Amino acid sequence: MSIPSKQPPAATLLRFPSAAAGAPSTAAPLLPVLIVLHQETSSPGRVGNALRALGHPLDIRRPRFGDSLPETLHDHAGAVVFGGPMSANDPDDFVRQEIDWISVPLREQRPFLGICLGAQMLAMQLGARVAPHPEGRTEIGYYPIRPTAAGLALCPDWPDHVYHWHREGFELPVGAELLAEGGDFPVQAFRVGHAFGFQFHPDVTTAMMHRWTTRGHERLELPGARPRHHHFEGRALHDAAEHAWLKHFLDDWLTRMPSSVMSEAAE
């Protein structure tokens, strides 16, 4: 989920040095990570910060405003599709095109991460249903999740609460591995090969939380949503664990490229 503004920026490639300023480096530059955002002022948040810290440039695209998506991820280390206020069920051309495009990282076995809407798009690409809760409930704020045995094998230090902002959920796609479960929305994280979907928002920063709970305050009245002050109380209690888990996950996520791809990148 993000908050809209007025003017859409063009596709942007942000590059950050991986070494101290002025220090010579003989290491080959790392491939950029494709970042797909859905609103004018959307930010990759903490996920973007972590990827930059690993030394990856961010190739930011906003298909909603006319940016194209690459026909191949040959020149990218991976891709992240973030959240937004729209639904994966919407008929807009850019929504349908993004869902179709997810076949590229799946086919090429490139690291892919879908967050909230991005996870719903991944689920839909894999044939699963995306729908509102049958009783109209939402998850807006911090809620508990339970890692499965598969999730613990992948990453042992899952947080017990994570931040959400959504009204729809998804079924577990056929052939996918369930990594974490929840209450009102049972499928919280899943994996198919090198592709991962998270229903929650590990990307959210404190500044993003302020914007969402201020500009989207009317959603805090929806069934199941947490009051605004609970969002910040929850962050004080749970953010350190979620932050540590995210770092652990991302450190491993980009190493999941096929060995043939890793060999090409080293040439």
Protein backbone atom coordinates (compact mmCIF):
# COMPACT_ATOMS: atom_id res chain seq x y z
CA MET A 1 0.00 0.00 0.00
CA SER A 2 1.27 3.47 -0.87
CA ILE A 3 -0.05 7.01 -0.90
CA PRO A 4 -0.69 8.91 -4.16
CA SER A 5 0.63 12.35 -5.16
CA LYS A 6 0.47 14.37 -8.40
CA GLN A 7 3.28 13.91 -10.91
CA PRO A 8 4.54 10.45 -11.97
CA PRO A 9 8.33 10.23 -12.30
CA ALA A 10 9.91 8.39 -15.20
CA ALA A 11 11.72 5.09 -14.83
CA THR A 12 14.77 5.66 -12.69
CA LEU A 13 18.02 3.82 -12.18
CA LEU A 14 19.53 4.62 -8.82
CA ARG A 15 23.16 3.70 -8.26
CA PHE A 16 24.91 3.71 -4.92
CA PRO A 17 28.60 2.96 -4.33
CA SER A 18 29.31 -0.31 -2.58
CA ALA A 19 32.65 0.89 -1.25
CA ALA A 20 33.74 3.91 0.75
CA ALA A 21 33.94 7.13 -1.25
CA GLY A 22 37.26 7.45 -3.01
CA ALA A 23 38.35 3.90 -2.21
CA PRO A 24 39.47 1.88 -5.25
CA SER A 25 37.58 -1.33 -5.94
CA THR A 26 38.46 -4.20 -8.23
CA ALA A 27 35.14 -6.04 -7.68
CA ALA A 28 32.79 -6.27 -10.65
CA PRO A 29 29.66 -4.13 -10.17
CA LEU A 30 26.62 -6.03 -9.01
CA LEU A 31 23.58 -6.34 -11.24
CA PRO A 32 20.64 -4.04 -10.45
CA VAL A 33 17.46 -5.29 -8.83
CA LEU A 34 14.26 -4.46 -10.70
CA ILE A 35 11.85 -2.55 -8.45
CA VAL A 36 8.18 -2.32 -9.51
CA LEU A 37 6.15 0.38 -7.73
CA HIS A 38 2.51 1.37 -8.14
CA GLN A 39 2.12 5.02 -7.13
CA GLU A 40 3.87 8.31 -7.84
CA THR A 41 5.49 8.63 -4.42
CA SER A 42 5.85 4.93 -3.61
CA SER A 43 9.20 3.93 -2.15
CA PRO A 44 10.97 0.56 -1.90
CA GLY A 45 11.44 1.46 1.75
CA ARG A 46 13.44 -0.84 3.95
CA VAL A 47 13.77 -3.49 1.23
CA GLY A 48 15.37 -0.91 -1.05
CA ASN A 49 17.67 0.26 1.74
CA ALA A 50 18.80 -3.32 2.38
CA LEU A 51 19.44 -4.02 -1.32
CA ARG A 52 21.47 -0.84 -1.68
CA ALA A 53 23.48 -1.82 1.41
CA LEU A 54 24.30 -5.10 -0.36
CA GLY A 55 25.66 -3.04 -3.26
CA HIS A 56 22.85 -3.48 -5.81
CA PRO A 57 21.62 -0.55 -7.90
CA LEU A 58 17.83 -0.20 -8.01
CA ASP A 59 16.14 -0.12 -11.42
CA ILE A 60 12.82 1.51 -10.50
CA ARG A 61 9.85 1.13 -12.86
CA ARG A 62 6.24 2.29 -12.52
CA PRO A 63 4.22 0.45 -15.22
CA ARG A 64 1.06 2.23 -14.09
CA PHE A 65 2.56 5.43 -15.52
CA GLY A 66 3.92 3.99 -18.75
CA ASP A 67 7.24 2.41 -17.76
CA SER A 68 7.94 -0.84 -19.58
CA LEU A 69 9.09 -4.05 -17.94
CA PRO A 70 12.07 -5.94 -19.38
CA GLU A 71 11.50 -8.90 -21.67
CA THR A 72 14.19 -10.79 -19.75
CA LEU A 73 15.91 -10.46 -16.36
CA HIS A 74 19.27 -11.35 -17.91
CA ASP A 75 20.59 -7.93 -16.85
CA HIS A 76 19.06 -7.97 -13.36
CA ALA A 77 19.90 -9.80 -10.15
CA GLY A 78 16.21 -10.22 -9.33
CA ALA A 79 12.88 -8.39 -9.15
CA VAL A 80 10.60 -7.09 -6.40
CA VAL A 81 6.95 -6.14 -7.04
CA PHE A 82 5.61 -4.00 -4.21
CA GLY A 83 2.16 -3.18 -2.86
CA GLY A 84 -0.46 -0.61 -3.80
CA PRO A 85 -4.12 0.30 -3.19
CA MET A 86 -5.33 -1.48 -6.31
CA SER A 87 -6.44 -5.12 -6.51
CA ALA A 88 -4.90 -7.95 -8.48
CA ASN A 89 -8.49 -8.48 -9.70
CA ASP A 90 -8.72 -5.00 -11.24
CA PRO A 91 -9.21 -4.90 -15.03
CA ASP A 92 -6.63 -2.12 -15.60
CA ASP A 93 -4.17 -2.94 -18.37
CA PHE A 94 -1.09 -2.38 -16.20
CA VAL A 95 -2.40 -4.83 -13.56
CA ARG A 96 -3.01 -7.56 -16.16
CA GLN A 97 0.36 -6.85 -17.80
CA GLU A 98 2.27 -7.09 -14.51
CA ILE A 99 0.61 -10.40 -13.66
CA ASP A 100 1.51 -11.73 -17.10
CA TRP A 101 5.07 -10.38 -16.81
CA ILE A 102 5.74 -12.42 -13.65
CA SER A 103 6.07 -15.42 -15.96
CA VAL A 104 9.49 -13.99 -16.93
CA PRO A 105 11.27 -14.50 -13.56
CA LEU A 106 9.40 -17.79 -13.10
CA ARG A 107 10.55 -19.08 -16.49
CA GLU A 108 14.12 -17.81 -16.08
CA GLN A 109 14.35 -18.98 -12.43
CA ARG A 110 15.43 -15.52 -11.30
CA PRO A 111 14.93 -14.37 -7.70
CA PHE A 112 11.47 -12.79 -7.41
CA LEU A 113 9.75 -11.25 -4.39
CA GLY A 114 6.14 -10.10 -4.28
CA ILE A 115 5.04 -7.96 -1.34
CA CYS A 116 1.30 -7.63 -0.52
CA LEU A 117 -0.19 -6.74 -3.94
CA GLY A 118 2.95 -8.21 -5.54
CA ALA A 119 2.36 -11.49 -3.70
CA GLN A 120 -1.27 -11.49 -4.80
CA MET A 121 -0.14 -10.96 -8.40
CA LEU A 122 2.30 -13.86 -8.07
CA ALA A 123 -0.45 -16.08 -6.65
CA MET A 124 -2.78 -15.14 -9.51
CA GLN A 125 -0.07 -15.81 -12.12
CA LEU A 126 0.23 -19.29 -10.56
CA GLY A 127 -3.52 -19.88 -10.85
CA ALA A 128 -4.62 -19.17 -7.28
CA ARG A 129 -7.68 -17.11 -6.33
CA VAL A 130 -7.30 -13.61 -4.82
CA ALA A 131 -10.33 -12.33 -2.89
CA PRO A 132 -11.52 -10.26 0.08
CA HIS A 133 -12.10 -11.95 3.43
CA PRO A 134 -15.56 -13.62 3.40
CA GLU A 135 -16.61 -11.54 6.43
CA GLY A 136 -15.08 -8.32 5.16
CA ARG A 137 -12.22 -8.35 7.65
CA THR A 138 -8.88 -6.66 7.01
CA GLU A 139 -5.34 -6.75 8.34
CA ILE A 140 -4.12 -3.18 8.88
CA GLY A 141 -1.46 -2.98 11.59
CA TYR A 142 0.60 -5.67 13.32
CA TYR A 143 -0.71 -9.26 13.42
CA PRO A 144 0.83 -12.57 14.47
CA ILE A 145 2.15 -15.08 11.97
CA ARG A 146 3.37 -18.66 12.45
CA PRO A 147 6.23 -20.00 10.35
CA THR A 148 5.79 -23.52 9.07
CA ALA A 149 8.50 -26.18 9.23
CA ALA A 150 9.44 -25.21 5.66
CA GLY A 151 9.62 -21.55 6.67
CA LEU A 152 11.87 -22.31 9.64
CA ALA A 153 14.13 -24.42 7.46
CA LEU A 154 14.49 -21.47 5.10
CA CYS A 155 15.00 -18.80 7.76
CA PRO A 156 14.96 -19.69 11.48
CA ASP A 157 14.41 -16.23 12.99
CA TRP A 158 10.90 -15.28 11.82
CA PRO A 159 9.22 -12.44 13.76
CA ASP A 160 6.07 -13.39 15.64
CA HIS A 161 4.23 -10.22 14.46
CA VAL A 162 4.53 -8.42 11.12
CA TYR A 163 3.02 -5.28 9.61
CA HIS A 164 0.05 -5.52 7.23
CA TRP A 165 -2.11 -3.22 5.13
CA HIS A 166 -4.56 -5.19 3.00
CA ARG A 167 -8.18 -6.17 2.47
CA GLU A 168 -7.63 -9.15 0.17
CA GLY A 169 -5.79 -12.43 0.53
CA PHE A 170 -5.00 -15.42 -1.64
CA GLU A 171 -5.09 -19.18 -1.75
CA LEU A 172 -1.90 -21.20 -1.68
CA PRO A 173 -1.03 -21.86 -5.35
CA VAL A 174 -0.87 -25.49 -6.44
CA GLY A 175 2.68 -26.76 -6.02
CA ALA A 176 3.73 -23.84 -3.75
CA GLU A 177 5.37 -24.31 -0.38
CA LEU A 178 3.64 -22.58 2.56
CA LEU A 179 6.21 -20.69 4.66
CA ALA A 180 4.04 -18.82 7.18
CA GLU A 181 0.41 -18.90 8.31
CA GLY A 182 -1.94 -16.32 9.82
CA GLY A 183 -5.40 -15.99 11.34
CA ASP A 184 -8.00 -14.22 9.20
CA PHE A 185 -5.75 -14.62 6.15
CA PRO A 186 -4.16 -18.09 6.46
CA VAL A 187 -1.57 -17.81 3.66
CA GLN A 188 1.03 -15.26 4.77
CA ALA A 189 4.17 -16.37 2.91
CA PHE A 190 4.87 -18.94 0.22
CA ARG A 191 7.57 -20.03 -2.17
CA VAL A 192 7.70 -21.52 -5.65
CA GLY A 193 11.26 -22.21 -6.74
CA HIS A 194 13.12 -18.88 -6.65
CA ALA A 195 9.91 -16.84 -6.25
CA PHE A 196 8.52 -15.71 -2.88
CA GLY A 197 5.27 -14.01 -1.91
CA PHE A 198 4.70 -12.17 1.39
CA GLN A 199 1.22 -10.93 2.30
CA PHE A 200 2.74 -8.55 4.87
CA HIS A 201 4.95 -5.45 4.54
CA PRO A 202 8.57 -5.94 5.66
CA ASP A 203 9.37 -2.90 3.51
CA VAL A 204 7.59 -0.36 5.72
CA THR A 205 9.66 2.35 7.41
CA THR A 206 8.57 4.63 10.24
CA ALA A 207 8.05 7.48 7.76
CA MET A 208 5.90 5.23 5.55
CA MET A 209 3.81 4.20 8.55
CA HIS A 210 3.18 7.86 9.40
CA ARG A 211 2.06 8.57 5.81
CA TRP A 212 -0.17 5.51 5.49
CA THR A 213 -1.93 5.97 8.83
CA THR A 214 -2.43 9.70 8.19
CA ARG A 215 -3.51 9.76 4.53
CA GLY A 216 -5.26 6.39 4.75
CA HIS A 217 -6.82 7.01 8.15
CA GLU A 218 -10.32 6.07 6.97
CA ARG A 219 -9.15 2.48 6.47
CA LEU A 220 -8.38 2.23 10.18
CA GLU A 221 -12.17 2.04 10.71
CA LEU A 222 -12.51 -1.16 8.65
CA PRO A 223 -13.31 -4.47 10.40
CA GLY A 224 -10.19 -5.99 11.94
CA ALA A 225 -8.00 -2.90 11.46
CA ARG A 226 -5.85 -1.74 14.39
CA PRO A 227 -6.24 1.80 15.77
CA ARG A 228 -3.48 4.20 14.70
CA HIS A 229 -1.68 4.27 18.05
CA HIS A 230 -1.44 0.46 18.00
CA HIS A 231 0.60 0.67 14.79
CA PHE A 232 3.35 2.63 16.52
CA GLU A 233 3.14 0.61 19.75
CA GLY A 234 3.47 -2.53 17.61
CA ARG A 235 6.47 -1.10 15.81
CA ALA A 236 8.24 -0.43 19.11
CA LEU A 237 7.59 -4.04 20.17
CA HIS A 238 8.07 -5.99 16.94
CA ASP A 239 10.13 -3.99 14.45
CA ALA A 240 13.60 -5.07 15.61
CA ALA A 241 12.74 -8.75 15.04
CA GLU A 242 11.11 -8.07 11.66
CA HIS A 243 14.10 -5.97 10.57
CA ALA A 244 16.59 -8.70 11.53
CA TRP A 245 14.52 -11.34 9.75
CA LEU A 246 14.30 -9.24 6.57
CA LYS A 247 18.07 -8.76 6.47
CA HIS A 248 18.60 -12.51 6.88
CA PHE A 249 16.08 -13.26 4.15
CA LEU A 250 17.48 -10.76 1.63
CA ASP A 251 21.06 -11.84 2.27
CA ASP A 252 20.06 -15.31 1.02
CA TRP A 253 17.39 -14.34 -1.54
CA LEU A 254 19.73 -13.04 -4.24
CA THR A 255 22.00 -16.07 -3.96
CA ARG A 256 19.17 -18.18 -5.36
CA MET A 257 20.05 -17.48 -9.00
CA PRO A 258 20.73 -20.62 -11.06
CA SER A 259 24.41 -21.52 -11.17
CA SER A 260 24.49 -20.92 -14.93
CA VAL A 261 23.36 -17.33 -14.38
CA MET A 262 25.93 -16.78 -11.64
CA SER A 263 28.63 -18.02 -14.03
CA GLU A 264 27.51 -15.61 -16.75
CA ALA A 265 27.54 -12.69 -14.30
CA ALA A 266 31.13 -13.50 -13.32
CA GLU A 267 32.39 -13.48 -16.93
